[in-house]
Structure formats: C-alpha cells, structure tokens
Protein backbone atom coordinates (compact mmCIF):
# COMPACT_ATOMS: atom_id res chain seq x y z
CA MET A 1 98.71 186.81 75.85
CA THR A 2 95.17 186.65 76.35
CA ASP A 3 95.14 184.02 73.57
CA ASP A 4 98.15 182.11 75.37
CA LEU A 5 96.14 181.90 78.67
CA GLN A 6 92.99 181.00 76.86
CA GLU A 7 94.92 178.18 74.85
CA ILE A 8 96.34 176.99 78.25
CA ARG A 9 93.08 176.99 79.76
CA THR A 10 91.57 174.87 77.09
CA PHE A 11 94.19 172.37 77.39
CA HIS A 12 93.59 171.92 81.13
CA ASP A 13 89.82 171.72 81.16
CA ALA A 14 89.92 169.16 78.42
CA LEU A 15 92.34 166.99 80.24
CA PRO A 16 90.54 163.39 80.68
CA GLY A 17 93.77 161.87 82.00
CA PRO A 18 97.56 161.99 81.16
CA SER A 19 97.90 161.87 77.26
CA ALA A 20 100.71 162.09 75.18
CA THR A 21 99.34 165.27 73.54
CA ALA A 22 98.86 167.24 76.90
CA THR A 23 102.23 166.00 78.23
CA ALA A 24 103.80 167.42 75.00
CA LYS A 25 102.06 170.64 75.02
CA ALA A 26 103.23 170.89 78.75
CA ALA A 27 106.86 170.02 78.03
CA ASP A 28 106.87 172.50 74.92
CA LEU A 29 105.58 175.48 77.00
CA LEU A 30 108.26 174.55 79.52
CA ALA A 31 110.78 174.72 76.92
CA ALA A 32 109.76 177.89 75.42
CA GLU A 33 109.87 179.29 79.12
CA VAL A 34 113.42 178.16 79.59
CA VAL A 35 114.16 179.88 76.08
CA ALA A 36 112.26 183.05 77.25
CA GLU A 37 114.42 183.04 80.59
CA ARG A 38 117.77 182.83 78.73
CA THR A 39 116.42 185.40 76.02
CA PRO A 40 117.02 189.21 76.58
CA ARG A 41 113.88 190.93 77.80
CA THR A 42 112.87 192.97 75.11
CA GLY A 43 109.30 192.89 76.27
CA SER A 44 107.20 193.05 79.50
CA THR A 45 108.49 191.57 82.88
CA LYS A 46 104.96 190.68 83.72
CA ARG A 47 104.30 188.87 80.32
CA LEU A 48 107.27 186.84 80.90
CA LEU A 49 106.57 186.03 84.57
CA LEU A 50 102.62 185.23 83.58
CA PHE A 51 103.77 183.05 80.53
CA ARG A 52 106.20 181.28 83.02
CA THR A 53 103.23 180.83 85.56
CA ALA A 54 100.98 179.48 83.15
CA ALA A 55 103.59 176.95 81.89
CA VAL A 56 104.58 175.52 85.23
CA GLY A 57 100.95 175.50 86.34
CA LEU A 58 99.89 173.45 83.30
CA ALA A 59 102.93 170.83 83.87
CA ALA A 60 101.59 170.60 87.64
CA ALA A 61 98.15 169.89 86.54
CA VAL A 62 99.41 167.31 83.92
CA ALA A 63 101.46 165.75 86.90
CA ALA A 64 98.43 165.88 89.19
CA VAL A 65 96.31 163.80 86.90
CA ALA A 66 98.89 161.44 85.88
CA PHE A 67 98.96 160.87 89.89
CA LEU A 68 95.24 160.36 90.28
CA ALA A 69 94.97 158.38 87.10
CA GLY A 70 98.08 156.22 87.97
CA THR A 71 101.06 155.76 85.38
CA ASP A 72 99.49 153.46 83.34
CA GLY A 73 96.38 155.81 82.64
CA ARG A 74 93.79 154.01 84.58
CA GLY A 75 91.80 155.76 87.22
CA THR A 76 91.29 154.96 90.88
CA PRO A 77 89.33 151.87 91.35
CA ALA A 78 85.58 152.78 91.58
CA ASP A 79 84.85 149.90 93.94
CA ALA A 80 86.19 147.04 96.06
CA ALA A 81 85.90 144.62 93.24
CA GLU A 82 88.09 146.86 90.93
CA LEU A 83 90.70 147.16 93.76
CA LEU A 84 91.03 143.45 94.44
CA LEU A 85 91.30 143.12 90.74
CA GLU A 86 94.20 145.83 90.61
CA ALA A 87 95.84 143.93 93.65
CA ALA A 88 95.65 140.64 91.50
CA THR A 89 97.46 142.07 88.91
CA ALA A 90 100.16 143.76 90.90
CA ALA A 91 100.38 140.10 92.73
CA GLY A 92 100.71 138.28 89.49
CA ARG A 93 103.77 140.60 88.36
CA GLN A 94 105.66 139.60 91.67
CA SER A 95 108.98 137.80 91.23
CA ALA A 96 109.27 134.30 92.28
CA PRO A 97 112.27 132.72 93.61
CA GLY A 98 114.33 130.47 91.16
CA PRO A 99 116.28 127.70 91.61
CA GLY A 100 118.59 127.96 94.34
CA GLN A 101 117.00 131.10 95.76
CA ILE A 102 115.20 131.59 99.11
CA LEU A 103 112.23 133.67 99.64
CA TYR A 104 112.24 135.72 102.76
CA VAL A 105 109.19 137.25 104.26
CA ASP A 106 109.14 139.57 107.57
CA ARG A 107 105.53 139.53 108.89
CA THR A 108 104.14 140.94 112.31
CA ASP A 109 101.03 139.42 113.96
CA GLN A 110 98.53 140.13 116.49
CA SER A 111 96.22 137.38 117.72
CA ARG A 112 93.27 137.99 120.49
CA THR A 113 92.77 134.91 121.92
CA THR A 114 90.84 133.22 125.00
CA VAL A 115 93.00 131.15 127.56
CA TRP A 116 91.37 128.75 130.09
CA GLY A 117 93.13 127.88 133.13
CA ARG A 118 91.85 126.57 136.76
CA ASP A 119 88.46 127.78 136.46
CA ARG A 120 89.37 130.86 135.20
CA ARG A 121 89.28 132.69 131.60
CA SER A 122 91.58 135.21 130.33
CA GLU A 123 91.34 137.07 127.14
CA VAL A 124 94.65 138.17 125.69
CA THR A 125 96.31 139.62 122.68
CA GLN A 126 99.88 138.96 122.11
CA GLU A 127 102.02 140.54 119.38
CA ILE A 128 104.58 138.09 117.39
CA ASP A 129 107.17 138.90 114.50
CA ARG A 130 107.62 136.11 112.09
CA GLU A 131 110.25 135.78 109.69
CA TYR A 132 110.20 133.07 106.81
CA TRP A 133 112.83 131.26 104.76
CA ILE A 134 111.05 129.52 102.18
CA PRO A 135 113.83 127.60 99.48
CA ALA A 136 112.33 127.78 96.23
CA ALA A 137 113.62 124.11 95.54
CA ASP A 138 112.10 122.80 98.73
CA PRO A 139 109.29 124.69 100.55
CA GLY A 140 108.92 121.86 102.84
CA GLY A 141 112.31 122.89 104.18
CA ALA A 142 111.14 126.15 105.14
CA LEU A 143 112.11 127.79 108.40
CA THR A 144 110.52 130.26 110.57
CA ARG A 145 111.85 132.49 113.23
CA LEU A 146 109.16 133.75 115.93
CA THR A 147 109.79 136.77 118.18
CA TYR A 148 107.22 137.02 120.87
CA GLY A 149 105.97 140.69 121.46
CA LYS A 150 103.95 142.42 123.66
CA LEU A 151 101.30 140.63 125.92
CA ARG A 152 97.90 142.51 126.87
CA THR A 153 95.45 140.89 129.35
CA HIS A 154 92.31 142.30 128.62
CA THR A 155 90.06 140.03 131.32
CA GLY A 156 91.17 137.59 133.93
CA PRO A 157 94.91 137.07 135.27
CA VAL A 158 97.99 136.86 132.97
CA PRO A 159 98.13 133.22 131.78
CA THR A 160 101.03 131.23 132.72
CA SER A 161 101.26 129.49 129.66
CA MET A 162 101.53 132.38 127.41
CA GLU A 163 105.24 132.97 126.06
CA THR A 164 107.28 135.52 127.95
CA PRO A 165 107.90 138.74 125.63
CA GLY A 166 111.26 138.66 123.90
CA THR A 167 111.31 134.62 123.90
CA VAL A 168 112.64 133.32 120.34
CA GLU A 169 111.47 130.24 119.15
CA PHE A 170 112.45 128.40 115.74
CA GLN A 171 109.78 126.11 113.64
CA ARG A 172 110.13 123.88 110.57
CA ALA A 173 107.39 124.22 107.92
CA GLY A 174 104.70 121.68 108.35
CA PRO A 175 100.74 121.43 108.08
CA CYS A 176 100.45 122.25 111.77
CA THR A 177 103.01 125.26 112.07
CA VAL A 178 101.38 128.03 113.75
CA ASN A 179 99.29 130.38 111.85
CA VAL A 180 101.04 129.32 108.52
CA LEU A 181 99.37 126.77 105.75
CA SER A 182 101.49 123.79 104.86
CA PRO A 183 103.93 124.56 101.91
CA ALA A 184 101.73 121.96 99.87
CA GLY A 185 98.73 123.65 101.51
CA GLY A 186 98.02 125.40 97.92
CA ASP A 187 99.34 123.11 95.46
CA ASP A 188 96.07 121.30 94.55
CA LEU A 189 94.17 124.78 94.38
CA PRO A 190 93.42 126.14 90.86
CA ALA A 191 94.98 129.26 89.97
CA ASP A 192 91.74 130.60 88.33
CA PRO A 193 89.48 132.85 90.67
CA ALA A 194 86.13 131.26 89.49
CA ARG A 195 87.38 127.87 89.97
CA LEU A 196 89.30 128.51 92.98
CA LEU A 197 86.23 130.18 94.49
CA ALA A 198 84.14 127.33 93.69
CA ARG A 199 86.45 124.84 95.28
CA ILE A 200 87.11 126.62 98.56
CA ARG A 201 83.42 126.99 98.80
CA ALA A 202 82.61 123.49 98.16
CA ASP A 203 85.42 122.25 100.56
CA ALA A 204 83.80 124.64 103.29
CA ALA A 205 80.30 123.04 102.66
CA ALA A 206 81.40 119.60 103.09
CA SER A 207 83.46 120.63 106.29
CA VAL A 208 80.37 122.53 107.96
CA ARG A 209 78.40 119.89 106.97
CA LYS A 210 80.32 117.28 108.76
CA GLU A 211 80.42 119.18 112.10
CA ARG A 212 79.25 117.45 115.29
CA PRO A 213 76.98 118.22 116.65
CA THR A 214 75.37 119.33 113.25
CA PRO A 215 74.66 122.94 113.09
CA GLY A 216 71.17 123.86 112.35
CA GLU A 217 69.97 125.00 109.03
CA ASP A 218 70.14 128.59 109.83
CA GLN A 219 73.73 128.33 110.72
CA ILE A 220 75.29 126.17 107.92
CA GLU A 221 75.29 129.00 105.60
CA ARG A 222 76.68 131.48 107.99
CA ARG A 223 79.57 129.05 108.64
CA ILE A 224 80.18 128.18 105.16
CA GLU A 225 80.51 132.02 104.51
CA HIS A 226 82.88 132.34 107.65
CA THR A 227 84.88 129.49 106.30
CA VAL A 228 85.35 130.86 102.65
CA VAL A 229 86.05 134.39 103.57
CA SER A 230 88.55 133.53 106.20
CA ARG A 231 90.55 130.95 103.84
CA LEU A 232 90.62 133.18 101.06
CA VAL A 233 92.01 135.98 103.35
CA THR A 234 94.34 133.77 105.20
CA LEU A 235 95.87 132.66 101.57
CA ALA A 236 96.37 136.11 100.54
CA GLY A 237 98.63 136.61 103.57
CA ASN A 238 100.23 133.32 103.47
CA PRO A 239 103.88 133.10 102.44
CA PHE A 240 104.01 129.95 100.77
CA PRO A 241 101.41 130.31 97.39
CA GLY A 242 103.25 131.93 94.20
CA PRO A 243 102.18 134.96 92.43
CA GLY A 244 99.75 132.99 90.06
CA LEU A 245 97.80 131.67 93.13
CA ARG A 246 97.73 134.69 95.27
CA ALA A 247 96.75 136.35 92.14
CA ALA A 248 93.91 134.23 92.03
CA VAL A 249 92.89 134.44 95.66
CA LEU A 250 92.38 138.33 95.32
CA GLY A 251 90.51 137.79 92.01
CA ALA A 252 88.34 135.17 93.77
CA LEU A 253 87.95 138.04 96.64
CA ALA A 254 86.68 140.11 94.08
CA GLU A 255 83.67 138.34 93.64
CA MET A 256 82.38 138.71 97.41
CA PRO A 257 79.14 140.38 97.52
CA ASN A 258 79.82 142.27 100.76
CA ALA A 259 82.94 143.79 99.79
CA THR A 260 83.13 147.84 100.21
CA MET A 261 86.36 149.88 99.28
CA ARG A 262 88.15 151.87 102.21
CA THR A 263 90.24 154.39 101.65
CA ASP A 264 91.13 155.18 105.35
CA LEU A 265 92.85 151.78 106.53
CA THR A 266 96.18 151.45 108.55
CA ASP A 267 97.82 148.35 108.78
CA LEU A 268 99.51 146.73 112.12
CA ALA A 269 103.10 148.24 111.00
CA GLY A 270 101.19 151.90 110.92
CA ARG A 271 101.39 152.18 107.29
CA LYS A 272 98.48 154.01 105.60
CA GLY A 273 96.42 151.99 102.85
CA VAL A 274 93.50 151.46 100.80
CA GLY A 275 91.59 148.32 101.12
CA ALA A 276 88.43 146.01 100.82
CA SER A 277 86.36 145.43 103.55
CA ILE A 278 84.33 142.42 103.55
CA ARG A 279 81.42 142.01 106.20
CA TYR A 280 79.64 138.67 106.63
CA GLN A 281 77.66 136.82 109.51
CA GLY A 282 79.51 134.48 111.25
CA PRO A 283 78.38 131.96 113.75
CA ASP A 284 78.52 134.40 116.85
CA GLY A 285 77.41 137.62 114.97
CA TRP A 286 78.64 139.96 112.47
CA GLN A 287 82.32 139.89 111.43
CA ARG A 288 84.34 141.76 108.95
CA ALA A 289 87.72 141.03 107.06
CA GLU A 290 89.98 143.86 105.92
CA LEU A 291 92.71 143.19 103.18
CA ILE A 292 94.90 146.46 103.11
CA PHE A 293 96.79 147.67 100.00
CA GLU A 294 99.53 150.12 99.37
CA PRO A 295 98.00 153.05 97.34
CA GLU A 296 98.80 153.22 93.70
CA THR A 297 100.89 150.13 93.56
CA TYR A 298 98.40 147.74 95.37
CA ARG A 299 100.94 145.93 97.05
CA PHE A 300 99.75 143.61 99.65
CA LEU A 301 100.22 145.16 102.93
CA GLY A 302 98.18 143.15 105.72
CA SER A 303 94.83 142.25 106.78
CA ARG A 304 92.86 141.98 109.88
CA PHE A 305 89.73 140.55 111.35
CA LEU A 306 87.15 142.19 113.35
CA ARG A 307 83.99 140.86 115.07
CA THR A 308 81.06 142.88 116.93
CA PRO A 309 80.33 141.73 120.34
CA PRO A 310 77.09 139.56 120.86
CA GLY A 311 75.86 142.25 122.87
CA GLY A 312 76.81 144.98 120.50
CA GLY A 313 79.43 147.81 121.14
CA ALA A 314 82.65 148.65 119.16
CA GLU A 315 84.33 146.05 117.15
CA VAL A 316 86.99 144.22 118.45
CA VAL A 317 90.13 143.31 116.30
CA THR A 318 90.59 139.39 116.86
CA TYR A 319 93.69 138.95 114.44
CA ALA A 320 95.99 141.40 112.39
CA SER A 321 98.82 140.85 110.28
CA ALA A 322 101.02 142.82 108.48
CA VAL A 323 103.78 142.22 105.85
CA ARG A 324 107.06 144.60 106.31
CA GLU A 325 109.14 143.05 103.87
CA THR A 326 109.61 140.46 100.88
CA ARG A 327 112.58 139.73 99.53
CA ILE A 328 114.72 137.24 97.55
CA VAL A 329 117.80 136.04 99.21
CA GLY A 330 120.59 133.24 98.73
CA SER A 331 120.96 132.19 102.36
CA MET A 332 118.97 131.08 105.08
CA PRO A 333 119.84 130.92 109.13
CA LYS A 334 120.70 127.53 110.37
CA PRO A 335 118.14 126.33 113.02
CA PRO A 336 119.96 126.11 116.50
CA ALA A 337 120.56 122.76 117.92
CA GLY A 338 117.21 121.29 119.44
CA THR A 339 114.87 122.91 117.04
CA PRO A 340 111.96 120.46 116.58
CA ASP A 341 111.04 118.78 113.53
CA ALA A 342 108.07 119.86 111.77
CA VAL A 343 104.61 118.91 113.48
CA THR A 344 102.14 116.63 111.70
CA CYS A 345 98.76 116.09 112.23
C-alpha cells in the first residue's frame, strides 16, 4: 500500500498541467477502484477504502489542474496583454451571420451626462436597454429598439429634456445613431492589430490637431491617447464589426502600455469577470477604461469608463455597457409607423 500511495503522490506532485499520461493514470486508478468495489473483499476493508480515496483524490487533482490551466492546456494569462490576446482569439472564433440571417444583440448601457437648463446645471445617469437586429446582407438596414430605464440625478434639478423611464423608441442605423457606430464605420479599418492601432492613432492625431482652439502641446498627447483608447474600447463593444475586426481591436488593445490585469471586475449586468484596465491621462485628469470578459472562455461581457474628479476623490463611472445576449436569428421586428429614417450628419 505504501508503494501505491507513493506512486500516486509522485504523479500528483509532477503534474505540470492536464496531460494524457496523468489523465490515463487517473482513469486506470478509477477503473481499478470500480473493480475492487465489485470484487469480494478478501483483503482489508481499510486498504480498499484508502485505495478508493487516493484514486478519487488523484482524479480530482487532475480535474483541478485542467480547470486552472484551461481546456486547451494553456495556463491563466500572466498579464493584461496575454488576457487580451486570449480574448482576441475567442472573438475570432465567433460565428458571423450568413446570407438571410440576422445578428441579434441585447445590450444594456449606463451613461453619466451633464445637462444644461436655464442657468442651471444637472448631472444625471440614465440606464438604457438596447436591442439590435443587424441583417447580414444589409447592415445599413439595422434596427435598434431602446427602452429607457432608471434616471438618477446627482446634482441639480431633474432635467425635463431626459426621457421618462419606460419610454420605448426605435432607431434605424446611421452614422449619428446614439452610442452606435455607423454600419460602415469599420469597413475601411485593417483587420491586423498593428496596422489597426497605427491607423487609429494617426486618425486621432489628425483630429486633435484640427481642434479649435488648438490645444497646447502639453495637451495634444493626452487628447490623442484619450481618443485612441476610447475608440478601441468602443469598437470592442460595438455590434457592427465582424469577428475578424473585433479580434484585431482586442489585439491592438493588448499593445496599450498602461494596461493591467484585473480578476475582480463586475459588469453592468452583475456578472463576475476578468479584465484589462487601461489607465491614461485624459484632457481633464486621469481616466480609466475597463474591458470585462467571461472567465475561462474570454467572451466579451462589457466595458466601463471611469474618471478621477479634478480635485481628487473616488473614481466616477461615466459610461458602462454589458452585452447580455448575442445570437443569430431569422427575422426582425417591423418598426412601428412613424419611426424616423436614419439620421445623417
């Protein structure tokens, strides 16, 4: 019996990850335990019990290693860059709708905004549920149904311009659709992480340098960094880009130098996740963007933007979003009469 236990311990201590040899050994031990269970007990009952316990323990150890290392044998990402590359691989594997199919996305958003009234300023947060139907053959014919949710006022009076909770509104796709990029917004972007990052950075630099009044030199780099991170994180959560571009976006985010890995994140829908936190200095102080993924599968769950108030203090969530469901469907609702055409600008 001592030799049996020593052999089991040797296998347990030497396990670097789920290997075929270790798994087979566990299976052999379990099979032997089953045989022992069915065989008349001519030996010591205690010996059989110890053997059974050791066999089950080894099998549990193998299963635990497989859980920690992942089904493909890779270990837990060591840092944010590895996590984002895992997420990019997962995004690239996602199915895209084919001809005649429609991509359905159910997402919930929360935005904190400043609303100006007659000499009065209000700061409010509103929740909005968004459902998208995006035809594969005609992304420009996409439809969005918005359901306005809870409205919280942080400072000032309740703005009369805000939508009443419970209001339902339909929108057609377009370049000015609220919080959604144009269906063609990613068509000209390269699906290569390095080229994509270079392109977005060049676009950001050109845009910032055209601002009027022209920002000071100490502000230009801050604004460029803010624009780059904001656009990449927005692209990651946008429903229109296909799997290839979304994978490239996450690969580009893996190049962000200030990204750190987090294992304690919770998305807007209340789901626990792992993620990458990207800290950068925006025009008005330190800001942070978080991307949240499902543990083990690295499926994208949602994102958050946070800022530190100019005078310091606790961070404030300025925007949060969670993708609750994504699936391919065969039909979409007919927009009600009076639904306006897509807004152009």
